[in-house]
Amino acid sequence: MFGNSLDLGAKRDFMSAFMFFVAHLMVLVGVSTVLVHFLGMVGVVEGGGSFFAGGETYSLIGSLFVLWLGGSVLAKRGLTSDTMSIIIVMIGLYLAWTSGAILGLVPIALLTTISK
């Protein structure tokens, strides 16, 4: 169902970029919820809340995910030397840190529409 949506190296049109956004948002919600649950069981973080409610733990996990995803897209598409693409990833990281991972994934999804 999400086979092409999870491919980091493919060039996309707007609708495919939207599906990329939705697929990776679902992955992020699942991974961060399970991670915070297990970290709460161990006693590392205070559990509670949900991904959509925010919180500093979810912001940290979301920002790291956006940074990893943006770096992976740059590496797969061969854009690591393109300054504009790196700036787009940094904008996504800034938005993920300040506003939330949902908004931070938008520039990364738009990055997949840019030609080499």
Protein backbone atom coordinates (compact mmCIF):
# COMPACT_ATOMS: atom_id res chain seq x y z
CA MET A 1 0.00 0.00 0.00
CA PHE A 2 2.78 2.44 0.91
CA GLY A 3 5.58 0.81 -1.10
CA ASN A 4 6.39 3.78 -3.32
CA SER A 5 5.51 6.29 -0.59
CA LEU A 6 8.31 4.99 1.61
CA ASP A 7 10.96 5.14 -1.15
CA LEU A 8 13.30 7.96 -0.18
CA GLY A 9 15.05 8.32 -3.53
CA ALA A 10 12.05 8.74 -5.84
CA LYS A 11 11.08 12.06 -7.43
CA ARG A 12 7.46 12.88 -6.72
CA ASP A 13 4.68 15.10 -7.91
CA PHE A 14 2.52 17.01 -5.41
CA MET A 15 0.07 14.18 -4.72
CA SER A 16 2.87 11.64 -4.26
CA ALA A 17 4.62 14.06 -1.91
CA PHE A 18 1.41 14.28 0.12
CA MET A 19 1.29 10.48 0.34
CA PHE A 20 4.99 10.51 1.38
CA PHE A 21 4.05 12.97 4.13
CA VAL A 22 1.12 10.85 5.35
CA ALA A 23 3.08 7.58 5.27
CA HIS A 24 6.04 8.97 7.21
CA LEU A 25 3.75 10.76 9.64
CA MET A 26 2.09 7.42 10.46
CA VAL A 27 5.52 5.81 10.90
CA LEU A 28 6.61 8.67 13.16
CA VAL A 29 3.47 8.49 15.31
CA GLY A 30 3.87 4.75 15.77
CA VAL A 31 7.58 4.80 16.52
CA SER A 32 7.43 7.75 18.91
CA THR A 33 4.42 6.41 20.81
CA VAL A 34 6.03 3.01 21.33
CA LEU A 35 9.38 4.58 22.20
CA VAL A 36 7.89 6.95 24.79
CA HIS A 37 5.85 4.10 26.26
CA PHE A 38 8.92 1.90 26.73
CA LEU A 39 11.05 4.79 27.98
CA GLY A 40 8.26 5.55 30.47
CA MET A 41 8.21 1.94 31.65
CA VAL A 42 11.95 2.05 32.26
CA GLY A 43 11.59 5.38 34.07
CA VAL A 44 13.68 7.48 31.73
CA VAL A 45 10.84 9.86 30.80
CA GLU A 46 7.55 10.81 32.35
CA GLY A 47 4.95 8.91 30.34
CA GLY A 48 1.57 10.30 29.47
CA GLY A 49 0.14 12.44 26.79
CA SER A 50 0.09 11.60 23.14
CA PHE A 51 1.98 12.47 20.00
CA PHE A 52 -0.58 15.08 18.95
CA ALA A 53 -0.62 16.73 22.38
CA GLY A 54 3.03 17.58 22.00
CA GLY A 55 5.54 17.64 24.81
CA GLU A 56 9.28 17.98 24.90
CA THR A 57 9.95 14.25 24.56
CA TYR A 58 7.79 14.01 21.44
CA SER A 59 9.39 17.18 20.05
CA LEU A 60 12.84 15.69 20.53
CA ILE A 61 11.90 12.38 18.90
CA GLY A 62 10.08 14.17 16.07
CA SER A 63 13.01 16.50 15.42
CA LEU A 64 15.45 13.61 15.29
CA PHE A 65 13.13 11.76 12.90
CA VAL A 66 12.85 14.80 10.61
CA LEU A 67 16.64 15.21 10.64
CA TRP A 68 17.16 11.52 9.86
CA LEU A 69 14.51 11.53 7.12
CA GLY A 70 15.83 14.72 5.52
CA GLY A 71 19.40 13.45 5.58
CA SER A 72 18.31 10.13 4.09
CA VAL A 73 16.44 11.87 1.27
CA LEU A 74 19.49 14.04 0.54
CA ALA A 75 21.78 11.02 0.50
CA LYS A 76 19.49 8.81 -1.64
CA ARG A 77 18.88 11.54 -4.21
CA GLY A 78 22.49 12.73 -4.35
CA LEU A 79 21.69 16.23 -3.08
CA THR A 80 24.20 16.39 -0.25
CA SER A 81 26.21 19.10 -2.01
CA ASP A 82 23.16 21.20 -2.93
CA THR A 83 22.99 24.15 -0.54
CA MET A 84 19.30 24.86 -1.12
CA SER A 85 18.33 21.28 -0.29
CA ILE A 86 20.35 21.38 2.92
CA ILE A 87 18.65 24.66 3.87
CA ILE A 88 15.24 23.03 3.26
CA VAL A 89 16.17 20.20 5.64
CA MET A 90 17.31 22.72 8.26
CA ILE A 91 14.00 24.61 7.88
CA GLY A 92 12.18 21.32 8.44
CA LEU A 93 14.29 20.65 11.53
CA TYR A 94 13.58 24.13 12.88
CA LEU A 95 9.85 23.73 12.29
CA ALA A 96 9.87 20.29 13.91
CA TRP A 97 11.64 21.64 16.97
CA THR A 98 9.57 24.79 17.42
CA SER A 99 6.14 23.92 16.00
CA GLY A 100 5.94 20.14 15.92
CA ALA A 101 6.94 17.24 13.75
CA ILE A 102 3.82 17.47 11.60
CA LEU A 103 4.87 20.87 10.32
CA GLY A 104 8.52 19.80 10.14
CA LEU A 105 7.69 16.99 7.71
CA VAL A 106 6.20 19.40 5.16
CA PRO A 107 9.53 20.78 3.82
CA ILE A 108 10.94 17.24 3.70
CA ALA A 109 7.96 16.10 1.63
CA LEU A 110 8.41 19.10 -0.67
CA LEU A 111 12.12 18.25 -0.95
CA THR A 112 11.15 15.04 -2.73
CA THR A 113 9.58 17.10 -5.55
CA ILE A 114 12.82 18.92 -6.41
CA SER A 115 14.78 17.66 -9.41
CA LYS A 116 18.47 16.87 -9.14
